[in-house]
Amino acid sequence: MPEIDSLTPLQIAILAVFWALGEATATRVHEELEGVTGLSRKTIGTLLARLESYGFLEHREEGREFVYRTCVTEDQVREAKARSVLDDVFEGNVSALVSYALETREVEEGDIDRIRALIDEWESKRRGRGR
């Protein structure tokens, strides 16, 4: 079974349909993604079956259709993907990741304040554990 961090952008887009809707049939997933992916209903069905075989989805039968739901949360996927980038690209160096993001991305109003608040929170928790 593939690891969560190996999910492709298309697979994550499919999972995002379930995070938004809770449950869906292949037809509904196709309707939600058709304009974005251009994939056929049959291809979406194949991708759902594959995601289920990997353990990321499960289904129940409702009449003649399978109704799928996700077995992984958006937070689990986000954490695994972020950890993979941090470890694989930045060799675990958090400051290199943050530096890269600040140097190569447009910094939105309030981003630096949010980063400072996260650092302050992290330091506060760390001091609390050290006692």
Protein backbone atom coordinates (compact mmCIF):
# COMPACT_ATOMS: atom_id res chain seq x y z
CA MET A 1 0.00 0.00 0.00
CA PRO A 2 1.36 3.44 -0.89
CA GLU A 3 2.02 5.91 1.90
CA ILE A 4 -0.15 8.99 2.33
CA ASP A 5 2.72 11.24 1.26
CA SER A 6 2.81 9.56 -2.15
CA LEU A 7 -0.70 10.69 -3.09
CA THR A 8 -0.76 12.56 -6.39
CA PRO A 9 -2.49 15.93 -6.89
CA LEU A 10 -5.29 14.13 -8.78
CA GLN A 11 -5.79 11.64 -5.95
CA ILE A 12 -5.87 14.50 -3.44
CA ALA A 13 -8.44 16.33 -5.60
CA ILE A 14 -10.60 13.21 -5.50
CA LEU A 15 -10.24 12.91 -1.73
CA ALA A 16 -11.11 16.61 -1.42
CA VAL A 17 -14.53 15.84 -2.90
CA PHE A 18 -15.13 13.47 0.01
CA TRP A 19 -13.79 15.93 2.56
CA ALA A 20 -16.33 18.44 1.25
CA LEU A 21 -19.29 16.08 0.79
CA GLY A 22 -18.70 13.27 3.27
CA GLU A 23 -19.84 10.51 0.91
CA ALA A 24 -20.23 10.31 -2.86
CA THR A 25 -20.75 7.93 -5.74
CA ALA A 26 -18.37 7.74 -8.68
CA THR A 27 -20.93 9.69 -10.69
CA ARG A 28 -20.97 12.52 -8.15
CA VAL A 29 -17.16 12.62 -7.97
CA HIS A 30 -17.09 12.75 -11.77
CA GLU A 31 -19.58 15.63 -11.78
CA GLU A 32 -17.52 17.55 -9.22
CA LEU A 33 -14.22 17.09 -11.07
CA GLU A 34 -15.20 16.89 -14.74
CA GLY A 35 -14.50 20.55 -15.44
CA VAL A 36 -11.14 20.35 -13.70
CA THR A 37 -9.82 16.99 -14.88
CA GLY A 38 -11.74 16.18 -18.05
CA LEU A 39 -11.63 12.52 -17.01
CA SER A 40 -14.41 10.10 -17.93
CA ARG A 41 -16.81 8.62 -15.39
CA LYS A 42 -15.19 5.21 -15.97
CA THR A 43 -11.70 6.57 -15.25
CA ILE A 44 -12.95 8.18 -12.04
CA GLY A 45 -14.45 4.82 -11.06
CA THR A 46 -11.10 3.13 -11.67
CA LEU A 47 -9.31 5.74 -9.57
CA LEU A 48 -11.80 5.30 -6.73
CA ALA A 49 -11.31 1.52 -6.79
CA ARG A 50 -7.54 2.02 -6.71
CA LEU A 51 -7.76 4.48 -3.79
CA GLU A 52 -9.93 1.94 -1.99
CA SER A 53 -7.41 -0.85 -2.61
CA TYR A 54 -4.73 1.42 -1.08
CA GLY A 55 -6.90 1.91 2.03
CA PHE A 56 -7.69 5.59 1.46
CA LEU A 57 -11.39 5.01 0.67
CA GLU A 58 -14.08 2.52 1.63
CA HIS A 59 -17.52 1.93 0.20
CA ARG A 60 -20.97 0.65 0.94
CA GLU A 61 -23.53 -0.51 -1.59
CA GLU A 62 -26.66 1.50 -2.19
CA GLY A 63 -28.77 -0.18 -4.81
CA ARG A 64 -26.53 -0.74 -7.80
CA GLU A 65 -24.02 1.96 -6.87
CA PHE A 66 -21.09 2.13 -4.50
CA VAL A 67 -21.12 5.04 -2.11
CA TYR A 68 -17.56 5.91 -1.10
CA ARG A 69 -16.15 7.77 1.86
CA THR A 70 -12.61 8.62 2.80
CA CYS A 71 -10.55 6.82 5.43
CA VAL A 72 -8.01 9.64 5.75
CA THR A 73 -8.51 13.21 6.85
CA GLU A 74 -7.36 16.32 5.09
CA ASP A 75 -5.08 17.06 8.05
CA GLN A 76 -3.46 13.62 7.79
CA VAL A 77 -2.72 14.15 4.11
CA ARG A 78 -1.51 17.71 4.61
CA GLU A 79 0.80 16.65 7.46
CA ALA A 80 2.23 13.72 5.49
CA LYS A 81 2.83 15.80 2.37
CA ALA A 82 4.41 18.65 4.36
CA ARG A 83 6.63 16.25 6.30
CA SER A 84 7.71 14.65 3.03
CA VAL A 85 8.69 18.01 1.52
CA LEU A 86 10.46 19.05 4.71
CA ASP A 87 12.39 15.78 4.95
CA ASP A 88 13.02 15.03 1.28
CA VAL A 89 13.64 18.51 -0.10
CA PHE A 90 14.93 20.44 2.91
CA GLU A 91 16.58 17.54 4.77
CA GLY A 92 14.44 18.29 7.83
CA ASN A 93 15.68 21.88 8.09
CA VAL A 94 12.62 23.92 9.12
CA SER A 95 14.39 27.26 8.84
CA ALA A 96 15.46 26.46 5.26
CA LEU A 97 11.84 25.65 4.37
CA VAL A 98 10.52 28.87 5.91
CA SER A 99 13.31 30.91 4.35
CA TYR A 100 12.59 29.42 0.93
CA ALA A 101 8.86 30.10 1.28
CA LEU A 102 9.44 33.70 2.34
CA GLU A 103 11.92 34.36 -0.47
CA THR A 104 9.98 32.74 -3.31
CA ARG A 105 6.33 33.41 -2.51
CA GLU A 106 4.26 36.53 -2.25
CA VAL A 107 3.89 37.24 1.46
CA GLU A 108 0.30 38.11 2.28
CA GLU A 109 -0.76 40.75 4.76
CA GLY A 110 -0.49 39.21 8.23
CA ASP A 111 1.61 36.17 7.22
CA ILE A 112 4.65 37.28 9.21
CA ASP A 113 2.50 37.98 12.26
CA ARG A 114 0.98 34.49 12.00
CA ILE A 115 4.44 32.93 11.68
CA ARG A 116 5.63 34.86 14.74
CA ALA A 117 2.56 33.75 16.68
CA LEU A 118 3.22 30.11 15.73
CA ILE A 119 6.83 30.40 16.89
CA ASP A 120 5.72 32.02 20.15
CA GLU A 121 3.18 29.24 20.72
CA TRP A 122 5.80 26.57 19.95
CA GLU A 123 8.28 28.18 22.37
CA SER A 124 5.64 28.46 25.07
CA LYS A 125 4.71 24.78 24.75
CA ARG A 126 8.37 23.78 24.76
CA ARG A 127 9.02 25.79 27.95
CA GLY A 128 5.98 24.14 29.54
CA ARG A 129 7.34 20.66 28.79
CA GLY A 130 10.80 21.52 30.08
CA ARG A 131 9.61 22.18 33.62
